[in-house]
Amino acid sequence: MKFTEIDLQCEDIMWFGIDKNGLVFECTSGGIGCVPKFVCESKENTAILESFFLQELKETTQGTLLIPGTDSQLSQDVLSLSKKGVYCFDVAIDDGRPNEYKKIAAPDHPIMLSDLPDRIKSIMCNHIVDVDVASESLIRVAHAY
């Protein structure tokens, strides 16, 4: 099943991608952020990736929360993800730019596509975005619709 344009307006979608260097990153749409076509193609794949990264993957490094002073569920999730080697971004709501995501957490030692199990690699190999998440604090995403 696909995400529809209506789904994107009311669901806070946590989606995962690979940057041009093979590093894993996560974005949270907040129900207003632009979401790439590869995410919209399969709700099932999005759920598989979210379950894998949040529940199955183990913490292996230190992570840094770049938005200190908040104790929200999002902050806890992204800090945990960064400790698993994932760069984390959130939609730039406060700046009114739904096609941009700002970096909110970073790992000390990032995980790469090549480090993932084959079943996850097979999904993620189509989730490549032309960005360098290690050095950029903002990424722009073309909207699927």
N, C-alpha and C. Protein backbone atom coordinates (compact mmCIF):
# COMPACT_ATOMS: atom_id res chain seq x y z
N MET A 1 0.84 -1.17 0.00
CA MET A 1 0.00 0.00 0.00
C MET A 1 0.89 1.25 0.00
N LYS A 2 0.46 2.27 -0.74
CA LYS A 2 1.21 3.51 -0.84
C LYS A 2 0.73 4.55 0.15
N PHE A 3 1.63 5.49 0.49
CA PHE A 3 1.21 6.70 1.21
C PHE A 3 0.57 7.62 0.18
N THR A 4 -0.58 8.15 0.50
CA THR A 4 -1.24 9.12 -0.37
C THR A 4 -0.83 10.52 0.03
N GLU A 5 -1.20 11.47 -0.79
CA GLU A 5 -0.90 12.87 -0.46
C GLU A 5 -1.63 13.28 0.82
N ILE A 6 -2.82 12.75 1.05
CA ILE A 6 -3.58 13.03 2.28
C ILE A 6 -2.85 12.43 3.48
N ASP A 7 -2.35 11.19 3.35
CA ASP A 7 -1.59 10.56 4.44
C ASP A 7 -0.44 11.46 4.89
N LEU A 8 0.26 12.04 3.92
CA LEU A 8 1.43 12.86 4.23
C LEU A 8 1.07 14.12 5.00
N GLN A 9 -0.17 14.56 4.87
CA GLN A 9 -0.61 15.78 5.55
C GLN A 9 -1.04 15.52 6.99
N CYS A 10 -1.28 14.26 7.34
CA CYS A 10 -1.77 14.00 8.70
C CYS A 10 -0.94 12.97 9.47
N GLU A 11 0.03 12.35 8.85
CA GLU A 11 0.86 11.37 9.55
C GLU A 11 2.28 11.91 9.73
N ASP A 12 2.83 11.68 10.91
CA ASP A 12 4.22 12.02 11.19
C ASP A 12 5.04 10.80 10.79
N ILE A 13 5.62 10.85 9.61
CA ILE A 13 6.31 9.70 9.05
C ILE A 13 7.79 9.74 9.38
N MET A 14 8.28 8.66 9.96
CA MET A 14 9.70 8.49 10.19
C MET A 14 10.22 7.66 9.02
N TRP A 15 11.07 8.28 8.20
CA TRP A 15 11.59 7.56 7.04
C TRP A 15 13.11 7.56 7.05
N PHE A 16 13.68 6.59 6.34
CA PHE A 16 15.12 6.36 6.37
C PHE A 16 15.69 6.43 4.96
N GLY A 17 16.92 6.95 4.87
CA GLY A 17 17.60 7.05 3.59
C GLY A 17 19.08 6.78 3.74
N ILE A 18 19.73 6.78 2.58
CA ILE A 18 21.18 6.60 2.47
C ILE A 18 21.72 7.82 1.74
N ASP A 19 22.79 8.42 2.27
CA ASP A 19 23.36 9.57 1.59
C ASP A 19 24.33 9.11 0.49
N LYS A 20 24.90 10.05 -0.22
CA LYS A 20 25.77 9.72 -1.36
C LYS A 20 27.06 9.00 -0.95
N ASN A 21 27.36 8.98 0.35
CA ASN A 21 28.54 8.28 0.85
C ASN A 21 28.20 6.93 1.49
N GLY A 22 26.92 6.55 1.44
CA GLY A 22 26.50 5.27 2.01
C GLY A 22 26.13 5.33 3.48
N LEU A 23 26.05 6.55 4.06
CA LEU A 23 25.67 6.70 5.47
C LEU A 23 24.15 6.68 5.63
N VAL A 24 23.70 6.09 6.73
CA VAL A 24 22.27 5.98 7.01
C VAL A 24 21.78 7.23 7.74
N PHE A 25 20.61 7.73 7.32
CA PHE A 25 19.99 8.85 8.02
C PHE A 25 18.48 8.62 8.15
N GLU A 26 17.89 9.37 9.07
CA GLU A 26 16.46 9.28 9.35
C GLU A 26 15.89 10.68 9.30
N CYS A 27 14.64 10.80 8.81
CA CYS A 27 13.93 12.07 8.81
C CYS A 27 12.54 11.87 9.41
N THR A 28 12.06 12.87 10.12
CA THR A 28 10.73 12.85 10.70
C THR A 28 9.93 13.98 10.06
N SER A 29 8.82 13.62 9.41
CA SER A 29 8.08 14.58 8.58
C SER A 29 7.16 15.53 9.35
N GLY A 30 6.75 15.16 10.56
CA GLY A 30 5.88 16.02 11.35
C GLY A 30 4.50 16.26 10.74
N GLY A 31 4.14 15.46 9.74
CA GLY A 31 2.86 15.64 9.08
C GLY A 31 2.81 16.80 8.11
N ILE A 32 3.94 17.48 7.93
CA ILE A 32 3.98 18.61 6.99
C ILE A 32 5.18 18.58 6.07
N GLY A 33 6.16 17.72 6.38
CA GLY A 33 7.38 17.71 5.60
C GLY A 33 7.23 16.99 4.27
N CYS A 34 7.99 17.43 3.31
CA CYS A 34 8.04 16.75 2.02
C CYS A 34 8.65 15.37 2.22
N VAL A 35 8.09 14.40 1.54
CA VAL A 35 8.55 13.02 1.64
C VAL A 35 8.87 12.54 0.24
N PRO A 36 10.03 11.90 0.04
CA PRO A 36 10.40 11.46 -1.31
C PRO A 36 9.52 10.33 -1.84
N LYS A 37 9.53 10.20 -3.14
CA LYS A 37 8.73 9.19 -3.82
C LYS A 37 9.03 7.78 -3.30
N PHE A 38 10.30 7.46 -3.04
CA PHE A 38 10.64 6.10 -2.61
C PHE A 38 9.97 5.73 -1.29
N VAL A 39 9.68 6.70 -0.45
CA VAL A 39 8.97 6.43 0.81
C VAL A 39 7.50 6.18 0.53
N CYS A 40 6.91 7.00 -0.31
CA CYS A 40 5.48 6.90 -0.61
C CYS A 40 5.10 5.60 -1.30
N GLU A 41 6.05 4.95 -1.93
CA GLU A 41 5.75 3.74 -2.69
C GLU A 41 5.32 2.57 -1.82
N SER A 42 5.69 2.54 -0.52
CA SER A 42 5.36 1.38 0.29
C SER A 42 5.29 1.71 1.78
N LYS A 43 4.06 1.70 2.31
CA LYS A 43 3.89 1.85 3.76
C LYS A 43 4.53 0.67 4.49
N GLU A 44 4.46 -0.51 3.89
CA GLU A 44 5.01 -1.71 4.51
C GLU A 44 6.52 -1.59 4.68
N ASN A 45 7.23 -1.16 3.64
CA ASN A 45 8.68 -1.00 3.74
C ASN A 45 9.07 0.05 4.76
N THR A 46 8.29 1.14 4.81
CA THR A 46 8.55 2.18 5.80
C THR A 46 8.40 1.62 7.21
N ALA A 47 7.38 0.80 7.43
CA ALA A 47 7.15 0.18 8.74
C ALA A 47 8.25 -0.82 9.08
N ILE A 48 8.71 -1.58 8.10
CA ILE A 48 9.80 -2.55 8.32
C ILE A 48 11.07 -1.81 8.76
N LEU A 49 11.40 -0.73 8.06
CA LEU A 49 12.61 0.03 8.40
C LEU A 49 12.49 0.67 9.78
N GLU A 50 11.34 1.25 10.09
CA GLU A 50 11.16 1.87 11.40
C GLU A 50 11.30 0.83 12.51
N SER A 51 10.70 -0.32 12.32
CA SER A 51 10.80 -1.39 13.32
C SER A 51 12.24 -1.86 13.48
N PHE A 52 12.94 -2.05 12.36
CA PHE A 52 14.33 -2.50 12.42
C PHE A 52 15.20 -1.50 13.18
N PHE A 53 15.15 -0.24 12.77
CA PHE A 53 16.04 0.76 13.37
C PHE A 53 15.68 1.09 14.82
N LEU A 54 14.40 1.12 15.13
CA LEU A 54 14.00 1.46 16.50
C LEU A 54 14.08 0.27 17.46
N GLN A 55 13.77 -0.93 16.99
CA GLN A 55 13.63 -2.06 17.90
C GLN A 55 14.71 -3.13 17.78
N GLU A 56 15.21 -3.39 16.58
CA GLU A 56 16.15 -4.50 16.39
C GLU A 56 17.61 -4.10 16.46
N LEU A 57 17.94 -2.99 15.83
CA LEU A 57 19.34 -2.55 15.77
C LEU A 57 19.81 -2.15 17.16
N LYS A 58 21.00 -2.58 17.52
CA LYS A 58 21.56 -2.31 18.85
C LYS A 58 22.39 -1.02 18.84
N GLU A 59 22.47 -0.39 20.01
CA GLU A 59 23.33 0.78 20.17
C GLU A 59 24.79 0.33 20.19
N THR A 60 25.63 1.04 19.42
CA THR A 60 27.03 0.64 19.29
C THR A 60 28.01 1.80 19.46
N THR A 61 27.50 3.01 19.60
CA THR A 61 28.37 4.19 19.65
C THR A 61 27.73 5.25 20.54
N GLN A 62 28.37 6.37 20.65
CA GLN A 62 27.80 7.51 21.35
C GLN A 62 27.08 8.38 20.33
N GLY A 63 26.06 9.08 20.79
CA GLY A 63 25.33 9.98 19.92
C GLY A 63 25.22 11.34 20.58
N THR A 64 25.00 12.35 19.77
CA THR A 64 24.87 13.70 20.28
C THR A 64 23.54 14.28 19.84
N LEU A 65 22.76 14.73 20.81
CA LEU A 65 21.51 15.42 20.52
C LEU A 65 21.84 16.87 20.26
N LEU A 66 21.48 17.38 19.09
CA LEU A 66 21.84 18.74 18.69
C LEU A 66 20.77 19.75 19.06
N ILE A 67 19.69 19.29 19.71
CA ILE A 67 18.62 20.18 20.18
C ILE A 67 18.45 19.97 21.68
N PRO A 68 19.42 20.38 22.48
CA PRO A 68 19.39 20.12 23.92
C PRO A 68 18.24 20.83 24.62
N GLY A 69 17.94 20.31 25.82
CA GLY A 69 16.94 20.96 26.65
C GLY A 69 15.53 20.46 26.43
N THR A 70 15.36 19.46 25.59
CA THR A 70 14.03 18.91 25.36
C THR A 70 14.01 17.45 25.76
N ASP A 71 12.91 17.01 26.33
CA ASP A 71 12.79 15.63 26.80
C ASP A 71 11.58 14.96 26.15
N SER A 72 11.36 15.25 24.88
CA SER A 72 10.21 14.69 24.17
C SER A 72 10.49 13.26 23.72
N GLN A 73 9.46 12.58 23.28
CA GLN A 73 9.63 11.22 22.73
C GLN A 73 10.53 11.28 21.50
N LEU A 74 10.36 12.31 20.67
CA LEU A 74 11.22 12.45 19.49
C LEU A 74 12.68 12.55 19.90
N SER A 75 12.98 13.35 20.92
CA SER A 75 14.36 13.50 21.38
C SER A 75 14.93 12.17 21.84
N GLN A 76 14.14 11.40 22.58
CA GLN A 76 14.59 10.09 23.05
C GLN A 76 14.83 9.14 21.88
N ASP A 77 13.91 9.15 20.90
CA ASP A 77 14.05 8.27 19.73
C ASP A 77 15.29 8.61 18.91
N VAL A 78 15.50 9.89 18.64
CA VAL A 78 16.64 10.26 17.79
C VAL A 78 17.97 10.10 18.52
N LEU A 79 17.99 10.30 19.82
CA LEU A 79 19.23 10.05 20.56
C LEU A 79 19.56 8.56 20.51
N SER A 80 18.55 7.72 20.68
CA SER A 80 18.76 6.27 20.57
C SER A 80 19.23 5.89 19.17
N LEU A 81 18.60 6.47 18.14
CA LEU A 81 19.01 6.18 16.77
C LEU A 81 20.45 6.62 16.51
N SER A 82 20.83 7.78 17.04
CA SER A 82 22.20 8.25 16.83
C SER A 82 23.21 7.32 17.52
N LYS A 83 22.81 6.71 18.63
CA LYS A 83 23.67 5.73 19.31
C LYS A 83 23.75 4.42 18.54
N LYS A 84 22.90 4.28 17.53
CA LYS A 84 22.94 3.11 16.64
C LYS A 84 23.66 3.45 15.34
N GLY A 85 24.17 4.67 15.24
CA GLY A 85 24.94 5.08 14.07
C GLY A 85 24.18 5.85 13.02
N VAL A 86 22.95 6.29 13.32
CA VAL A 86 22.08 6.95 12.35
C VAL A 86 22.07 8.47 12.58
N TYR A 87 22.25 9.23 11.48
CA TYR A 87 22.07 10.69 11.54
C TYR A 87 20.58 10.96 11.52
N CYS A 88 20.12 11.94 12.32
CA CYS A 88 18.69 12.21 12.44
C CYS A 88 18.35 13.65 12.08
N PHE A 89 17.27 13.81 11.32
CA PHE A 89 16.80 15.10 10.85
C PHE A 89 15.32 15.24 11.15
N ASP A 90 14.88 16.48 11.39
CA ASP A 90 13.46 16.77 11.61
C ASP A 90 13.06 17.88 10.66
N VAL A 91 11.80 17.85 10.23
CA VAL A 91 11.31 18.87 9.31
C VAL A 91 11.52 20.25 9.93
N ALA A 92 11.86 21.21 9.09
CA ALA A 92 12.16 22.58 9.56
C ALA A 92 10.85 23.35 9.72
N ILE A 93 10.00 22.90 10.65
CA ILE A 93 8.68 23.51 10.87
C ILE A 93 8.81 24.98 11.27
N ASP A 94 9.68 25.25 12.23
CA ASP A 94 9.80 26.60 12.75
C ASP A 94 10.28 27.59 11.70
N ASP A 95 10.91 27.10 10.66
CA ASP A 95 11.40 27.97 9.59
C ASP A 95 10.42 28.03 8.42
N GLY A 96 9.31 27.26 8.49
CA GLY A 96 8.31 27.27 7.44
C GLY A 96 8.81 26.73 6.11
N ARG A 97 9.73 25.77 6.16
CA ARG A 97 10.28 25.20 4.92
C ARG A 97 10.04 23.70 4.93
N PRO A 98 8.87 23.24 4.46
CA PRO A 98 8.54 21.82 4.54
C PRO A 98 9.38 20.92 3.64
N ASN A 99 10.16 21.51 2.74
CA ASN A 99 11.03 20.68 1.90
C ASN A 99 12.43 20.55 2.51
N GLU A 100 12.64 21.12 3.70
CA GLU A 100 13.95 21.04 4.36
C GLU A 100 13.84 20.33 5.70
N TYR A 101 14.88 19.59 5.99
CA TYR A 101 15.00 18.89 7.27
C TYR A 101 16.31 19.35 7.92
N LYS A 102 16.25 19.62 9.23
CA LYS A 102 17.46 20.07 9.93
C LYS A 102 18.00 18.92 10.79
N LYS A 103 19.32 18.85 10.88
CA LYS A 103 19.97 17.80 11.66
C LYS A 103 19.73 18.04 13.14
N ILE A 104 19.24 16.98 13.84
CA ILE A 104 18.96 17.12 15.26
C ILE A 104 19.73 16.14 16.13
N ALA A 105 20.37 15.14 15.51
CA ALA A 105 21.20 14.20 16.27
C ALA A 105 22.22 13.58 15.32
N ALA A 106 23.40 13.28 15.89
CA ALA A 106 24.48 12.72 15.08
C ALA A 106 25.24 11.66 15.87
N PRO A 107 25.65 10.59 15.18
CA PRO A 107 26.42 9.54 15.85
C PRO A 107 27.92 9.86 15.85
N ASP A 108 28.63 9.33 16.84
CA ASP A 108 30.09 9.44 16.82
C ASP A 108 30.68 8.56 15.71
N HIS A 109 30.09 7.38 15.54
CA HIS A 109 30.54 6.44 14.50
C HIS A 109 29.33 6.00 13.70
N PRO A 110 29.16 6.57 12.49
CA PRO A 110 27.97 6.30 11.70
C PRO A 110 27.93 4.88 11.12
N ILE A 111 26.71 4.40 10.91
CA ILE A 111 26.48 3.12 10.27
C ILE A 111 26.32 3.36 8.76
N MET A 112 26.74 2.38 7.97
CA MET A 112 26.66 2.49 6.52
C MET A 112 25.72 1.43 5.96
N LEU A 113 25.30 1.65 4.75
CA LEU A 113 24.45 0.68 4.06
C LEU A 113 25.08 -0.70 4.09
N SER A 114 26.37 -0.77 3.88
CA SER A 114 27.08 -2.07 3.85
C SER A 114 27.05 -2.80 5.19
N ASP A 115 26.75 -2.10 6.29
CA ASP A 115 26.69 -2.71 7.62
C ASP A 115 25.34 -3.35 7.92
N LEU A 116 24.35 -3.09 7.09
CA LEU A 116 22.99 -3.54 7.36
C LEU A 116 22.75 -4.97 6.89
N PRO A 117 21.79 -5.67 7.51
CA PRO A 117 21.45 -7.01 7.04
C PRO A 117 20.85 -6.95 5.63
N ASP A 118 20.98 -8.03 4.89
CA ASP A 118 20.54 -8.07 3.49
C ASP A 118 19.07 -7.68 3.31
N ARG A 119 18.21 -8.11 4.21
CA ARG A 119 16.77 -7.80 4.06
C ARG A 119 16.52 -6.30 4.17
N ILE A 120 17.33 -5.59 4.95
CA ILE A 120 17.20 -4.14 5.08
C ILE A 120 17.90 -3.44 3.93
N LYS A 121 19.06 -3.96 3.54
CA LYS A 121 19.79 -3.40 2.38
C LYS A 121 18.93 -3.41 1.13
N SER A 122 18.16 -4.50 0.95
CA SER A 122 17.35 -4.63 -0.26
C SER A 122 16.30 -3.52 -0.36
N ILE A 123 15.83 -3.03 0.76
CA ILE A 123 14.89 -1.90 0.77
C ILE A 123 15.66 -0.59 0.63
N MET A 124 16.72 -0.43 1.43
CA MET A 124 17.44 0.83 1.51
C MET A 124 18.23 1.18 0.24
N CYS A 125 18.59 0.20 -0.56
CA CYS A 125 19.40 0.49 -1.75
C CYS A 125 18.68 1.41 -2.72
N ASN A 126 17.37 1.53 -2.60
CA ASN A 126 16.58 2.44 -3.44
C ASN A 126 16.25 3.76 -2.73
N HIS A 127 16.81 3.97 -1.55
CA HIS A 127 16.50 5.15 -0.74
C HIS A 127 17.69 6.13 -0.71
N ILE A 128 18.35 6.31 -1.82
CA ILE A 128 19.55 7.15 -1.87
C ILE A 128 19.17 8.60 -2.19
N VAL A 129 19.72 9.51 -1.38
CA VAL A 129 19.50 10.94 -1.55
C VAL A 129 20.86 11.60 -1.75
N ASP A 130 20.95 12.51 -2.72
CA ASP A 130 22.21 13.17 -3.05
C ASP A 130 22.51 14.26 -2.02
N VAL A 131 23.04 13.82 -0.88
CA VAL A 131 23.34 14.72 0.23
C VAL A 131 24.50 14.11 1.01
N ASP A 132 25.23 14.91 1.76
CA ASP A 132 26.29 14.43 2.66
C ASP A 132 25.85 14.74 4.08
N VAL A 133 25.23 13.75 4.74
CA VAL A 133 24.63 14.00 6.06
C VAL A 133 25.66 14.27 7.15
N ALA A 134 26.89 13.84 6.96
CA ALA A 134 27.92 14.10 7.98
C ALA A 134 28.29 15.58 8.03
N SER A 135 28.26 16.26 6.91
CA SER A 135 28.73 17.64 6.89
C SER A 135 27.61 18.68 6.76
N GLU A 136 26.43 18.29 6.33
CA GLU A 136 25.36 19.26 6.12
C GLU A 136 24.39 19.29 7.30
N SER A 137 23.98 20.49 7.69
CA SER A 137 23.03 20.61 8.79
C SER A 137 21.59 20.68 8.30
N LEU A 138 21.40 20.96 7.02
CA LEU A 138 20.08 20.98 6.39
C LEU A 138 20.12 20.14 5.13
N ILE A 139 19.05 19.40 4.90
CA ILE A 139 18.92 18.69 3.63
C ILE A 139 17.58 19.07 3.01
N ARG A 140 17.55 19.12 1.69
CA ARG A 140 16.32 19.43 0.95
C ARG A 140 15.82 18.15 0.29
N VAL A 141 14.51 17.99 0.33
CA VAL A 141 13.89 16.79 -0.22
C VAL A 141 12.81 17.20 -1.22
N ALA A 142 12.85 16.60 -2.39
CA ALA A 142 11.79 16.84 -3.38
C ALA A 142 10.55 16.07 -2.95
N HIS A 143 9.41 16.72 -3.02
CA HIS A 143 8.14 16.12 -2.60
C HIS A 143 7.67 15.10 -3.64
N ALA A 144 7.11 14.01 -3.18
CA ALA A 144 6.65 12.94 -4.06
C ALA A 144 5.44 13.36 -4.89
N TYR A 145 4.64 14.29 -4.38
CA TYR A 145 3.40 14.65 -5.09
C TYR A 145 3.42 16.06 -5.59
